[in-house]
């Protein structure tokens, strides 16, 4: 069984760009939902002051994350004027190509630190009622 992969990135919202960012994130989320059936979840959260955004991706496996980077990746340069990424964390076992692509994303939108965290213990339940 493949190990799930979770990617969490956090960015500062550029001054005066909040509404543009919200629109762009809605479009990207809708695109991912429509075109990436293997992606388990794609969630965008703003902090209370709406000056920091966190994106959480949950993938069934690393191949799903690779696919997201290939089909969603072309949209990432459009976020360069909207955010300044400060960190990107990968939870699971990504391959070296995926890590490199995520590091490129972090450099493009950052400068963000990139860290890989491997699973030590735990379990995952997908499809839990009320988990939308």
C-alpha atoms as a PDB file:
ATOM      1  CA  UNK A   1       0.000   0.000   0.000  1.00  0.00           C
ATOM      2  CA  UNK A   2       1.318   3.462  -0.914  1.00  0.00           C
ATOM      3  CA  UNK A   3       1.981   5.989   1.785  1.00  0.00           C
ATOM      4  CA  UNK A   4      -0.070   9.162   1.721  1.00  0.00           C
ATOM      5  CA  UNK A   5       1.731  12.455   1.247  1.00  0.00           C
ATOM      6  CA  UNK A   6       0.801  15.791   2.808  1.00  0.00           C
ATOM      7  CA  UNK A   7       2.212  19.121   1.664  1.00  0.00           C
ATOM      8  CA  UNK A   8       1.665  22.257   3.729  1.00  0.00           C
ATOM      9  CA  UNK A   9       2.920  25.648   2.634  1.00  0.00           C
ATOM     10  CA  UNK A  10       2.532  28.973   4.385  1.00  0.00           C
ATOM     11  CA  UNK A  11       2.879  32.386   2.786  1.00  0.00           C
ATOM     12  CA  UNK A  12       2.539  36.033   3.666  1.00  0.00           C
ATOM     13  CA  UNK A  13      -0.126  37.824   1.615  1.00  0.00           C
ATOM     14  CA  UNK A  14       1.340  40.753  -0.308  1.00  0.00           C
ATOM     15  CA  UNK A  15      -0.024  44.154   0.700  1.00  0.00           C
ATOM     16  CA  UNK A  16      -3.207  45.025  -1.189  1.00  0.00           C
ATOM     17  CA  UNK A  17      -3.411  41.648  -2.970  1.00  0.00           C
ATOM     18  CA  UNK A  18      -5.809  39.728  -0.701  1.00  0.00           C
ATOM     19  CA  UNK A  19      -8.826  39.790  -3.013  1.00  0.00           C
ATOM     20  CA  UNK A  20      -6.704  38.815  -6.020  1.00  0.00           C
ATOM     21  CA  UNK A  21      -5.225  35.974  -3.978  1.00  0.00           C
ATOM     22  CA  UNK A  22      -8.648  34.722  -2.906  1.00  0.00           C
ATOM     23  CA  UNK A  23      -9.814  34.662  -6.529  1.00  0.00           C
ATOM     24  CA  UNK A  24      -6.656  32.894  -7.716  1.00  0.00           C
ATOM     25  CA  UNK A  25      -6.861  30.293  -4.940  1.00  0.00           C
ATOM     26  CA  UNK A  26     -10.523  29.588  -5.671  1.00  0.00           C
ATOM     27  CA  UNK A  27      -9.641  29.000  -9.327  1.00  0.00           C
ATOM     28  CA  UNK A  28      -6.708  26.737  -8.479  1.00  0.00           C
ATOM     29  CA  UNK A  29      -8.766  24.732  -5.969  1.00  0.00           C
ATOM     30  CA  UNK A  30     -11.588  24.299  -8.496  1.00  0.00           C
ATOM     31  CA  UNK A  31      -9.064  23.225 -11.149  1.00  0.00           C
ATOM     32  CA  UNK A  32      -7.515  20.659  -8.795  1.00  0.00           C
ATOM     33  CA  UNK A  33     -10.915  19.296  -7.787  1.00  0.00           C
ATOM     34  CA  UNK A  34     -11.954  18.918 -11.427  1.00  0.00           C
ATOM     35  CA  UNK A  35      -8.686  17.621 -12.894  1.00  0.00           C
ATOM     36  CA  UNK A  36      -6.885  15.759 -10.117  1.00  0.00           C
ATOM     37  CA  UNK A  37      -9.078  12.846  -9.012  1.00  0.00           C
ATOM     38  CA  UNK A  38      -6.288  11.233  -6.980  1.00  0.00           C
ATOM     39  CA  UNK A  39      -5.909  14.288  -4.724  1.00  0.00           C
ATOM     40  CA  UNK A  40      -7.681  13.609  -1.431  1.00  0.00           C
ATOM     41  CA  UNK A  41      -7.913  17.211  -0.216  1.00  0.00           C
ATOM     42  CA  UNK A  42      -6.840  20.703  -1.183  1.00  0.00           C
ATOM     43  CA  UNK A  43      -7.596  23.292   1.492  1.00  0.00           C
ATOM     44  CA  UNK A  44      -6.711  26.991   1.718  1.00  0.00           C
ATOM     45  CA  UNK A  45      -6.791  28.752   5.090  1.00  0.00           C
ATOM     46  CA  UNK A  46      -6.333  32.422   5.963  1.00  0.00           C
ATOM     47  CA  UNK A  47      -5.345  33.507   9.441  1.00  0.00           C
ATOM     48  CA  UNK A  48      -7.607  35.861  11.405  1.00  0.00           C
ATOM     49  CA  UNK A  49      -5.821  38.996  10.125  1.00  0.00           C
ATOM     50  CA  UNK A  50      -5.944  37.639   6.542  1.00  0.00           C
ATOM     51  CA  UNK A  51      -2.266  38.426   6.036  1.00  0.00           C
ATOM     52  CA  UNK A  52      -1.062  34.816   6.024  1.00  0.00           C
ATOM     53  CA  UNK A  53      -2.308  31.914   3.913  1.00  0.00           C
ATOM     54  CA  UNK A  54      -1.726  28.205   4.453  1.00  0.00           C
ATOM     55  CA  UNK A  55      -2.379  25.635   1.752  1.00  0.00           C
ATOM     56  CA  UNK A  56      -2.788  21.986   2.729  1.00  0.00           C
ATOM     57  CA  UNK A  57      -2.645  19.266   0.096  1.00  0.00           C
ATOM     58  CA  UNK A  58      -3.407  15.658   0.970  1.00  0.00           C
ATOM     59  CA  UNK A  59      -2.420  13.087  -1.631  1.00  0.00           C
ATOM     60  CA  UNK A  60      -3.084   9.360  -1.628  1.00  0.00           C
ATOM     61  CA  UNK A  61       0.530   8.852  -2.708  1.00  0.00           C
ATOM     62  CA  UNK A  62       3.554  10.669  -4.085  1.00  0.00           C
ATOM     63  CA  UNK A  63       2.391  10.080  -7.672  1.00  0.00           C
ATOM     64  CA  UNK A  64      -0.665  12.243  -6.990  1.00  0.00           C
ATOM     65  CA  UNK A  65       1.585  15.071  -5.748  1.00  0.00           C
ATOM     66  CA  UNK A  66       3.802  14.683  -8.831  1.00  0.00           C
ATOM     67  CA  UNK A  67       0.701  14.949 -11.015  1.00  0.00           C
ATOM     68  CA  UNK A  68      -0.403  18.110  -9.170  1.00  0.00           C
ATOM     69  CA  UNK A  69       2.969  19.695  -9.798  1.00  0.00           C
ATOM     70  CA  UNK A  70       2.755  18.891 -13.515  1.00  0.00           C
ATOM     71  CA  UNK A  71      -0.832  20.060 -14.135  1.00  0.00           C
ATOM     72  CA  UNK A  72      -1.164  22.746 -11.453  1.00  0.00           C
ATOM     73  CA  UNK A  73       2.437  23.921 -11.587  1.00  0.00           C
ATOM     74  CA  UNK A  74       1.977  26.220 -14.580  1.00  0.00           C
ATOM     75  CA  UNK A  75      -0.344  28.376 -12.421  1.00  0.00           C
ATOM     76  CA  UNK A  76       2.270  28.923  -9.680  1.00  0.00           C
ATOM     77  CA  UNK A  77       4.158  31.838 -11.340  1.00  0.00           C
ATOM     78  CA  UNK A  78       0.881  33.789 -11.241  1.00  0.00           C
ATOM     79  CA  UNK A  79       1.110  33.780  -7.447  1.00  0.00           C
ATOM     80  CA  UNK A  80       4.544  35.469  -7.323  1.00  0.00           C
ATOM     81  CA  UNK A  81       2.983  38.948  -6.997  1.00  0.00           C
ATOM     82  CA  UNK A  82       0.344  37.765  -4.517  1.00  0.00           C
ATOM     83  CA  UNK A  83       2.336  35.962  -1.816  1.00  0.00           C
ATOM     84  CA  UNK A  84       5.758  35.531  -0.263  1.00  0.00           C
ATOM     85  CA  UNK A  85       6.097  31.882   0.722  1.00  0.00           C
ATOM     86  CA  UNK A  86       7.863  31.409   4.043  1.00  0.00           C
ATOM     87  CA  UNK A  87       7.802  27.640   4.507  1.00  0.00           C
ATOM     88  CA  UNK A  88       6.898  24.432   2.729  1.00  0.00           C
ATOM     89  CA  UNK A  89       6.658  21.159   4.634  1.00  0.00           C
ATOM     90  CA  UNK A  90       6.339  17.722   3.081  1.00  0.00           C
ATOM     91  CA  UNK A  91       5.024  14.865   5.234  1.00  0.00           C
ATOM     92  CA  UNK A  92       5.674  11.401   3.804  1.00  0.00           C
ATOM     93  CA  UNK A  93       8.176   9.965   1.363  1.00  0.00           C
ATOM     94  CA  UNK A  94       8.476  12.118  -1.747  1.00  0.00           C
ATOM     95  CA  UNK A  95      10.861  11.127  -4.483  1.00  0.00           C
ATOM     96  CA  UNK A  96      13.827  13.356  -5.327  1.00  0.00           C
ATOM     97  CA  UNK A  97      12.114  14.771  -8.444  1.00  0.00           C
ATOM     98  CA  UNK A  98       9.106  15.889  -6.398  1.00  0.00           C
ATOM     99  CA  UNK A  99      11.336  17.459  -3.742  1.00  0.00           C
ATOM    100  CA  UNK A 100      13.199  19.365  -6.467  1.00  0.00           C
ATOM    101  CA  UNK A 101       9.950  20.632  -8.000  1.00  0.00           C
ATOM    102  CA  UNK A 102       8.719  21.771  -4.590  1.00  0.00           C
ATOM    103  CA  UNK A 103      12.051  23.474  -3.900  1.00  0.00           C
ATOM    104  CA  UNK A 104      11.722  25.306  -7.223  1.00  0.00           C
ATOM    105  CA  UNK A 105       8.211  26.419  -6.224  1.00  0.00           C
ATOM    106  CA  UNK A 106       9.538  27.606  -2.846  1.00  0.00           C
ATOM    107  CA  UNK A 107      12.321  29.616  -4.530  1.00  0.00           C
ATOM    108  CA  UNK A 108       9.895  31.134  -7.039  1.00  0.00           C
ATOM    109  CA  UNK A 109       7.385  32.208  -4.390  1.00  0.00           C
ATOM    110  CA  UNK A 110       9.731  32.604  -1.425  1.00  0.00           C
ATOM    111  CA  UNK A 111      12.385  32.425  -0.233  1.00  0.00           C
ATOM    112  CA  UNK A 112      10.801  29.582   1.702  1.00  0.00           C
ATOM    113  CA  UNK A 113      12.435  26.823   3.674  1.00  0.00           C
ATOM    114  CA  UNK A 114      11.571  23.300   2.545  1.00  0.00           C
ATOM    115  CA  UNK A 115      11.549  20.381   4.982  1.00  0.00           C
ATOM    116  CA  UNK A 116      10.703  16.702   4.559  1.00  0.00           C
ATOM    117  CA  UNK A 117       9.212  14.841   7.524  1.00  0.00           C
ATOM    118  CA  UNK A 118       9.006  11.034   7.410  1.00  0.00           C
ATOM    119  CA  UNK A 119       6.280   9.093   9.160  1.00  0.00           C
ATOM    120  CA  UNK A 120       7.247   7.677  12.525  1.00  0.00           C
ATOM    121  CA  UNK A 121       3.886   6.339  13.749  1.00  0.00           C
ATOM    122  CA  UNK A 122       0.160   6.775  13.166  1.00  0.00           C
ATOM    123  CA  UNK A 123      -2.661   5.954  10.800  1.00  0.00           C
ATOM    124  CA  UNK A 124      -4.922   7.649   8.272  1.00  0.00           C
ATOM    125  CA  UNK A 125      -8.674   7.317   7.778  1.00  0.00           C
ATOM    126  CA  UNK A 126      -9.913   8.728   4.510  1.00  0.00           C
ATOM    127  CA  UNK A 127     -13.623   8.875   3.788  1.00  0.00           C
ATOM    128  CA  UNK A 128     -14.663   9.558   7.381  1.00  0.00           C
ATOM    129  CA  UNK A 129     -18.289  10.787   7.401  1.00  0.00           C
ATOM    130  CA  UNK A 130     -18.542  14.549   7.806  1.00  0.00           C
ATOM    131  CA  UNK A 131     -14.910  15.131   6.766  1.00  0.00           C
ATOM    132  CA  UNK A 132     -15.626  17.515   3.913  1.00  0.00           C
END
